[in-house]
Amino acid sequence: MKTIQLATPGAFASIEEPEPQRGDNEALVRVRRIGVCGTDIHAFHGRQPFFDYPRVLGHELGVEILEIDADNAAGLQVGDRCSVEPYLNDNDSPASRIGKSNCCEQLEVLGVHTDGGMRPLLSLPVEKLHKANELTYDQLALIETICIGAHGIERSGLTANETILVLGSGPIGLGAIQFALSLGSRVIVADINEERLAFCRDTIKVHHTLKADAPDFESRLTELCDGALPQVVLDATGNRFSMQRTFSLTAHGGRIVFLGLLKGEIAFDDPNFHKRELTLMASRNATPDTFKKVIDAVKSGAIDTKPWMTHRLALEDVPDQFESTIAEPGLIKAIIEV
């Protein structure tokens, strides 16, 4: 079958490979839609940690079940539409045993540590398929990226009477923003891209947005927080400057969540960190429960993914069009059709 492989940074290749063989407790699925993630873009540019080349990208997937054991524990059937939880963990690992399969010590993420979905067929563990026949394949392909943001909000412990500053309004940041809004919290979004801020205001209905590179950014932030600072700051940029800046933007006793991933090190002023008694936490991937929560939110209409999908291309066009697509102005989310 024809597969699209990222051979080296900046260069895709179309290759032929055998069709997958279904293993025990696995389902054979047809890939229908693939969401293009920041992870894919960073991999294309050679900036993705935990990454080796060549690699078949694609971990945001909407799929159709072609073959599955009739007596499978999940009650799935041939023809079911599913979102894929692309985190292949060891269920006997210490992290998995305490419910943190998302950061299992032996974790392999499809399209990152092992080959992913830029191909017509995959054989996947049944437990990694989340059925949602009411949703379109486009919607199913966006579930995983929303889950990343939702898990970051879960990690933060954000409550309705708190204020959160979200730095970065790409797809991962948008997932966090929408779940923060659903809690009734006051949400402030900062980005250097005015088009993305306008999207947040006009489409996501965020009331407070700030240009992150404005000279008066910090004074305007304190004005929005009634003279204080936000209790939670979530960074979804993966930018060193932005991540280091969070330590001066968070209220005393507040929490910082690093949702974005940086290839390298960050530094912070320890006296300031201690003075404020800050809590710093990472957020990685998402849990099965988060997938269920996000699917329910999309089903109910609490999250509308249609405005996110601004660009699309066919799988066979990826080698020639991927670079130009991810560079287009106004890009929020690109969808690959298989």
Protein backbone atom coordinates (compact mmCIF):
# COMPACT_ATOMS: atom_id res chain seq x y z
CA MET A 1 0.00 0.00 0.00
CA LYS A 2 1.12 3.57 -0.66
CA THR A 3 2.47 5.28 2.45
CA ILE A 4 3.73 8.84 2.96
CA GLN A 5 6.95 8.91 4.97
CA LEU A 6 8.92 11.86 6.33
CA ALA A 7 12.32 10.69 5.12
CA THR A 8 14.37 13.57 6.52
CA PRO A 9 13.51 17.02 7.88
CA GLY A 10 11.81 18.93 5.08
CA ALA A 11 11.39 15.96 2.73
CA PHE A 12 8.44 13.58 2.40
CA ALA A 13 8.58 10.46 0.21
CA SER A 14 5.88 8.18 -1.18
CA ILE A 15 6.80 4.55 -0.46
CA GLU A 16 5.19 1.13 -0.85
CA GLU A 17 4.79 -1.15 2.17
CA PRO A 18 2.83 -4.35 2.94
CA GLU A 19 -0.67 -4.12 4.36
CA PRO A 20 -0.71 -4.61 8.14
CA GLN A 21 -1.61 -7.94 9.72
CA ARG A 22 -4.12 -7.77 12.58
CA GLY A 23 -2.74 -9.08 15.87
CA ASP A 24 -4.44 -10.37 19.02
CA ASN A 25 -6.82 -7.83 20.59
CA GLU A 26 -6.35 -5.56 17.60
CA ALA A 27 -8.62 -4.09 14.95
CA LEU A 28 -7.80 -3.40 11.32
CA VAL A 29 -8.90 0.14 10.52
CA ARG A 30 -9.07 2.30 7.43
CA VAL A 31 -7.65 5.76 8.00
CA ARG A 32 -10.13 8.38 6.76
CA ARG A 33 -8.82 11.70 8.12
CA ILE A 34 -5.56 12.93 9.62
CA GLY A 35 -5.18 16.17 11.54
CA VAL A 36 -1.92 18.05 11.05
CA CYS A 37 -0.49 18.81 14.48
CA GLY A 38 2.23 21.13 15.72
CA THR A 39 4.19 17.96 16.42
CA ASP A 40 4.08 17.12 12.70
CA ILE A 41 5.16 20.64 11.76
CA HIS A 42 8.06 20.59 14.23
CA ALA A 43 9.10 17.16 12.91
CA PHE A 44 9.02 18.49 9.35
CA HIS A 45 11.33 21.33 10.39
CA GLY A 46 13.61 19.05 12.45
CA ARG A 47 12.66 20.58 15.80
CA GLN A 48 10.74 17.71 17.40
CA PRO A 49 12.24 16.01 20.50
CA PHE A 50 11.98 12.20 20.86
CA PHE A 51 12.06 11.87 17.08
CA ASP A 52 13.97 9.72 14.59
CA TYR A 53 13.89 9.70 10.79
CA PRO A 54 12.49 8.26 8.62
CA ARG A 55 9.02 8.28 10.21
CA VAL A 56 5.44 7.93 9.04
CA LEU A 57 3.63 10.86 10.67
CA GLY A 58 -0.02 11.01 11.70
CA HIS A 59 -1.46 10.62 15.19
CA GLU A 60 -4.67 12.68 15.00
CA LEU A 61 -6.85 10.12 13.30
CA GLY A 62 -10.46 9.51 12.32
CA VAL A 63 -10.80 5.85 11.29
CA GLU A 64 -13.31 3.18 10.24
CA ILE A 65 -13.14 -0.37 11.61
CA LEU A 66 -12.70 -2.97 8.86
CA GLU A 67 -11.93 -6.11 10.89
CA ILE A 68 -12.36 -6.87 14.60
CA ASP A 69 -13.16 -9.86 16.81
CA ALA A 70 -16.93 -9.98 17.35
CA ASP A 71 -16.51 -10.65 21.08
CA ASN A 72 -14.11 -7.75 21.76
CA ALA A 73 -14.31 -6.23 25.23
CA ALA A 74 -15.10 -2.74 23.92
CA GLY A 75 -18.22 -3.85 22.03
CA LEU A 76 -16.94 -2.39 18.77
CA GLN A 77 -18.21 -3.54 15.39
CA VAL A 78 -17.12 -3.46 11.77
CA GLY A 79 -18.13 -0.10 10.30
CA ASP A 80 -17.82 1.85 13.55
CA ARG A 81 -16.27 5.30 13.31
CA CYS A 82 -13.59 5.95 15.92
CA SER A 83 -11.10 8.47 17.17
CA VAL A 84 -7.71 6.97 17.92
CA GLU A 85 -5.93 7.34 21.25
CA PRO A 86 -2.43 7.17 19.77
CA TYR A 87 -0.50 6.47 22.99
CA LEU A 88 0.77 2.89 22.99
CA ASN A 89 1.57 2.14 26.63
CA ASP A 90 2.54 -0.88 28.71
CA ASN A 91 -0.46 -1.62 30.93
CA ASP A 92 1.85 -3.20 33.54
CA SER A 93 4.14 -0.17 33.85
CA PRO A 94 4.21 1.77 37.15
CA ALA A 95 2.66 4.86 35.55
CA SER A 96 -0.09 2.90 33.80
CA ARG A 97 -0.98 1.08 37.01
CA ILE A 98 -1.77 4.40 38.70
CA GLY A 99 -3.93 5.57 35.80
CA LYS A 100 -1.29 7.64 34.01
CA SER A 101 -1.03 5.67 30.79
CA ASN A 102 -0.45 9.01 29.03
CA CYS A 103 3.08 9.21 30.46
CA CYS A 104 3.96 5.51 30.66
CA GLU A 105 7.68 4.82 31.00
CA GLN A 106 7.59 2.72 27.79
CA LEU A 107 5.18 4.99 25.91
CA GLU A 108 5.28 5.07 22.12
CA VAL A 109 3.16 7.65 20.35
CA LEU A 110 1.95 6.86 16.84
CA GLY A 111 3.63 9.12 14.33
CA VAL A 112 6.34 10.14 16.81
CA HIS A 113 8.13 7.14 18.34
CA THR A 114 6.58 4.61 15.95
CA ASP A 115 5.02 4.91 12.50
CA GLY A 116 1.62 6.57 12.39
CA GLY A 117 -1.37 7.08 10.16
CA MET A 118 -0.23 8.63 6.88
CA ARG A 119 -1.26 5.41 5.12
CA PRO A 120 -4.56 3.75 4.24
CA LEU A 121 -4.59 0.93 6.82
CA LEU A 122 -3.49 0.41 10.42
CA SER A 123 -3.80 -2.41 12.94
CA LEU A 124 -4.41 -0.94 16.38
CA PRO A 125 -5.17 -2.20 19.90
CA VAL A 126 -8.92 -2.31 20.42
CA GLU A 127 -8.57 -0.37 23.69
CA LYS A 128 -7.17 2.61 21.76
CA LEU A 129 -10.31 3.09 19.65
CA HIS A 130 -13.02 5.47 20.90
CA LYS A 131 -16.30 4.96 19.06
CA ALA A 132 -18.38 7.96 18.05
CA ASN A 133 -20.60 7.10 15.08
CA GLU A 134 -22.47 10.39 15.50
CA LEU A 135 -19.36 12.38 14.55
CA THR A 136 -17.82 12.98 11.14
CA TYR A 137 -14.34 11.75 10.32
CA ASP A 138 -13.19 15.38 10.34
CA GLN A 139 -14.45 15.77 13.91
CA LEU A 140 -12.91 12.47 14.97
CA ALA A 141 -9.52 13.55 13.66
CA LEU A 142 -9.61 16.62 15.92
CA ILE A 143 -10.50 14.79 19.15
CA GLU A 144 -6.89 14.03 20.10
CA THR A 145 -5.65 17.60 19.74
CA ILE A 146 -8.54 18.89 21.87
CA CYS A 147 -7.73 16.22 24.45
CA ILE A 148 -4.19 17.58 24.82
CA GLY A 149 -5.56 20.98 25.81
CA ALA A 150 -8.30 19.51 28.00
CA HIS A 151 -5.75 17.43 29.92
CA GLY A 152 -3.70 20.57 30.54
CA ILE A 153 -6.75 22.20 32.13
CA GLU A 154 -7.34 19.07 34.19
CA ARG A 155 -3.73 19.20 35.39
CA SER A 156 -4.07 22.87 36.36
CA GLY A 157 -6.97 22.27 38.73
CA LEU A 158 -8.61 25.41 37.34
CA THR A 159 -11.89 26.41 39.00
CA ALA A 160 -14.75 28.65 37.97
CA ASN A 161 -13.72 31.52 40.25
CA GLU A 162 -10.14 31.68 38.93
CA THR A 163 -8.45 33.44 36.04
CA ILE A 164 -6.25 31.60 33.54
CA LEU A 165 -3.81 33.10 31.07
CA VAL A 166 -3.29 30.87 28.02
CA LEU A 167 -0.14 31.68 26.08
CA GLY A 168 -0.47 30.47 22.49
CA SER A 169 -3.69 30.03 20.53
CA GLY A 170 -2.79 27.30 18.08
CA PRO A 171 -4.91 24.11 18.01
CA ILE A 172 -3.46 22.81 21.30
CA GLY A 173 -4.07 26.16 22.98
CA LEU A 174 -7.58 26.31 21.53
CA GLY A 175 -8.44 22.99 23.19
CA ALA A 176 -7.31 24.37 26.53
CA ILE A 177 -9.16 27.63 25.95
CA GLN A 178 -12.45 25.93 25.16
CA PHE A 179 -12.33 23.70 28.22
CA ALA A 180 -11.38 26.61 30.46
CA LEU A 181 -14.38 28.54 29.12
CA SER A 182 -16.63 25.56 29.79
CA LEU A 183 -15.70 25.77 33.47
CA GLY A 184 -16.90 29.36 33.65
CA SER A 185 -13.41 30.66 34.41
CA ARG A 186 -12.14 34.03 33.28
CA VAL A 187 -9.92 33.28 30.29
CA ILE A 188 -7.23 35.59 28.91
CA VAL A 189 -5.49 34.56 25.70
CA ALA A 190 -2.14 35.95 24.57
CA ASP A 191 -0.44 35.41 21.24
CA ILE A 192 1.83 37.34 18.88
CA ASN A 193 -0.46 36.49 15.94
CA GLU A 194 -3.33 38.94 15.64
CA GLU A 195 -5.24 36.69 13.23
CA ARG A 196 -5.32 33.91 15.84
CA LEU A 197 -6.41 36.37 18.52
CA ALA A 198 -9.22 37.56 16.24
CA PHE A 199 -10.26 33.92 15.74
CA CYS A 200 -10.42 33.50 19.53
CA ARG A 201 -12.55 36.62 19.94
CA ASP A 202 -14.88 36.14 16.99
CA THR A 203 -15.26 32.35 16.87
CA ILE A 204 -14.37 30.96 20.30
CA LYS A 205 -15.91 34.01 22.05
CA VAL A 206 -12.96 34.81 24.30
CA HIS A 207 -13.58 38.18 25.92
CA HIS A 208 -9.98 39.05 26.81
CA THR A 209 -7.07 38.81 24.35
CA LEU A 210 -3.63 40.39 24.48
CA LYS A 211 -0.76 40.76 22.04
CA ALA A 212 2.02 38.87 23.79
CA ASP A 213 4.73 41.11 22.34
CA ALA A 214 3.03 44.42 23.17
CA PRO A 215 5.20 46.80 25.26
CA ASP A 216 2.39 47.23 27.81
CA PHE A 217 1.53 43.52 27.98
CA GLU A 218 2.17 43.03 31.69
CA SER A 219 0.37 46.22 32.76
CA ARG A 220 -2.66 45.30 30.66
CA LEU A 221 -2.63 41.79 32.13
CA THR A 222 -2.77 43.14 35.68
CA GLU A 223 -5.60 45.49 34.67
CA LEU A 224 -7.63 42.50 33.42
CA CYS A 225 -6.88 40.70 36.70
CA ASP A 226 -8.10 43.63 38.82
CA GLY A 227 -4.60 44.69 39.78
CA ALA A 228 -3.33 41.16 40.46
CA LEU A 229 -2.07 38.30 38.26
CA PRO A 230 -3.78 35.11 37.03
CA GLN A 231 -3.88 32.11 39.36
CA VAL A 232 -3.09 29.78 36.45
CA VAL A 233 -0.78 30.35 33.49
CA LEU A 234 -0.76 27.69 30.77
CA ASP A 235 1.90 27.87 28.08
CA ALA A 236 0.98 26.20 24.79
CA THR A 237 3.75 27.78 22.71
CA GLY A 238 6.78 25.56 23.31
CA ASN A 239 8.80 28.78 23.03
CA ARG A 240 11.67 29.21 25.48
CA PHE A 241 11.09 32.92 26.09
CA SER A 242 7.37 32.44 26.60
CA MET A 243 7.85 29.51 28.97
CA GLN A 244 10.43 31.34 31.07
CA ARG A 245 8.19 34.39 31.18
CA THR A 246 5.41 32.45 32.93
CA PHE A 247 7.27 32.66 36.25
CA SER A 248 6.75 36.42 36.37
CA LEU A 249 3.16 36.32 35.08
CA THR A 250 1.66 33.99 37.70
CA ALA A 251 0.08 35.12 40.97
CA HIS A 252 1.62 34.23 44.32
CA GLY A 253 0.45 30.72 45.19
CA GLY A 254 -0.43 30.07 41.54
CA ARG A 255 0.16 27.24 39.10
CA ILE A 256 2.07 27.04 35.84
CA VAL A 257 1.34 24.35 33.25
CA PHE A 258 3.75 23.65 30.41
CA LEU A 259 1.61 22.23 27.62
CA GLY A 260 4.03 23.14 24.85
CA LEU A 261 7.20 21.13 24.41
CA LEU A 262 10.66 22.65 23.98
CA LYS A 263 13.70 20.90 22.55
CA GLY A 264 16.19 22.14 25.10
CA GLU A 265 16.39 23.62 28.57
CA ILE A 266 14.65 26.47 30.34
CA ALA A 267 15.85 28.53 33.31
CA PHE A 268 14.04 30.49 36.00
CA ASP A 269 14.91 32.71 38.93
CA ASP A 270 14.73 30.51 42.02
CA PRO A 271 14.13 33.28 44.60
CA ASN A 272 11.13 34.48 42.57
CA PHE A 273 9.86 30.90 42.25
CA HIS A 274 10.09 30.37 46.02
CA LYS A 275 8.79 33.83 46.92
CA ARG A 276 5.59 33.13 45.02
CA GLU A 277 5.40 29.47 46.12
CA LEU A 278 4.56 28.52 42.58
CA THR A 279 3.57 25.07 41.39
CA LEU A 280 5.11 24.04 38.08
CA MET A 281 3.73 21.05 36.19
CA ALA A 282 4.05 19.40 32.82
CA SER A 283 1.10 18.08 30.86
CA ARG A 284 1.68 15.21 28.46
CA ASN A 285 -0.85 13.66 26.08
CA ALA A 286 -4.23 12.72 27.63
CA THR A 287 -5.96 9.88 29.45
CA PRO A 288 -8.75 7.60 28.16
CA ASP A 289 -11.22 9.42 30.41
CA THR A 290 -10.28 12.71 28.75
CA PHE A 291 -11.05 11.21 25.33
CA LYS A 292 -14.52 10.26 26.55
CA LYS A 293 -15.08 13.73 27.99
CA VAL A 294 -14.01 15.49 24.80
CA ILE A 295 -16.08 13.24 22.54
CA ASP A 296 -19.14 13.97 24.68
CA ALA A 297 -18.42 17.71 24.46
CA VAL A 298 -18.18 17.59 20.65
CA LYS A 299 -21.33 15.45 20.41
CA SER A 300 -23.29 17.90 22.54
CA GLY A 301 -22.11 20.90 20.55
CA ALA A 302 -20.26 22.40 23.51
CA ILE A 303 -17.22 22.37 21.25
CA ASP A 304 -17.67 23.15 17.56
CA THR A 305 -14.66 22.00 15.54
CA LYS A 306 -15.88 23.14 12.12
CA PRO A 307 -14.33 26.65 12.30
CA TRP A 308 -10.96 25.12 13.20
CA MET A 309 -10.59 23.33 9.85
CA THR A 310 -9.23 26.03 7.58
CA HIS A 311 -7.12 23.98 5.13
CA ARG A 312 -7.20 20.49 3.66
CA LEU A 313 -5.22 18.34 1.25
CA ALA A 314 -5.19 14.77 -0.03
CA LEU A 315 -2.73 12.24 1.35
CA GLU A 316 -1.07 11.78 -2.03
CA ASP A 317 -0.46 15.54 -2.22
CA VAL A 318 1.42 15.73 1.08
CA PRO A 319 4.94 15.47 -0.43
CA ASP A 320 4.32 18.43 -2.74
CA GLN A 321 1.90 20.57 -0.73
CA PHE A 322 2.63 20.06 2.99
CA GLU A 323 5.28 22.77 3.28
CA SER A 324 3.22 25.42 1.50
CA THR A 325 0.05 24.46 3.40
CA ILE A 326 1.58 24.84 6.85
CA ALA A 327 3.02 28.22 5.82
CA GLU A 328 -0.26 29.71 4.61
CA PRO A 329 -1.62 32.77 6.43
CA GLY A 330 -4.75 32.08 8.42
CA LEU A 331 -3.92 28.42 9.06
CA ILE A 332 -5.67 27.10 12.15
CA LYS A 333 -5.94 23.39 11.35
CA ALA A 334 -5.14 21.40 8.24
CA ILE A 335 -6.93 18.10 7.55
CA ILE A 336 -5.51 15.37 5.33
CA GLU A 337 -8.07 13.26 3.48
CA VAL A 338 -7.19 9.62 2.84
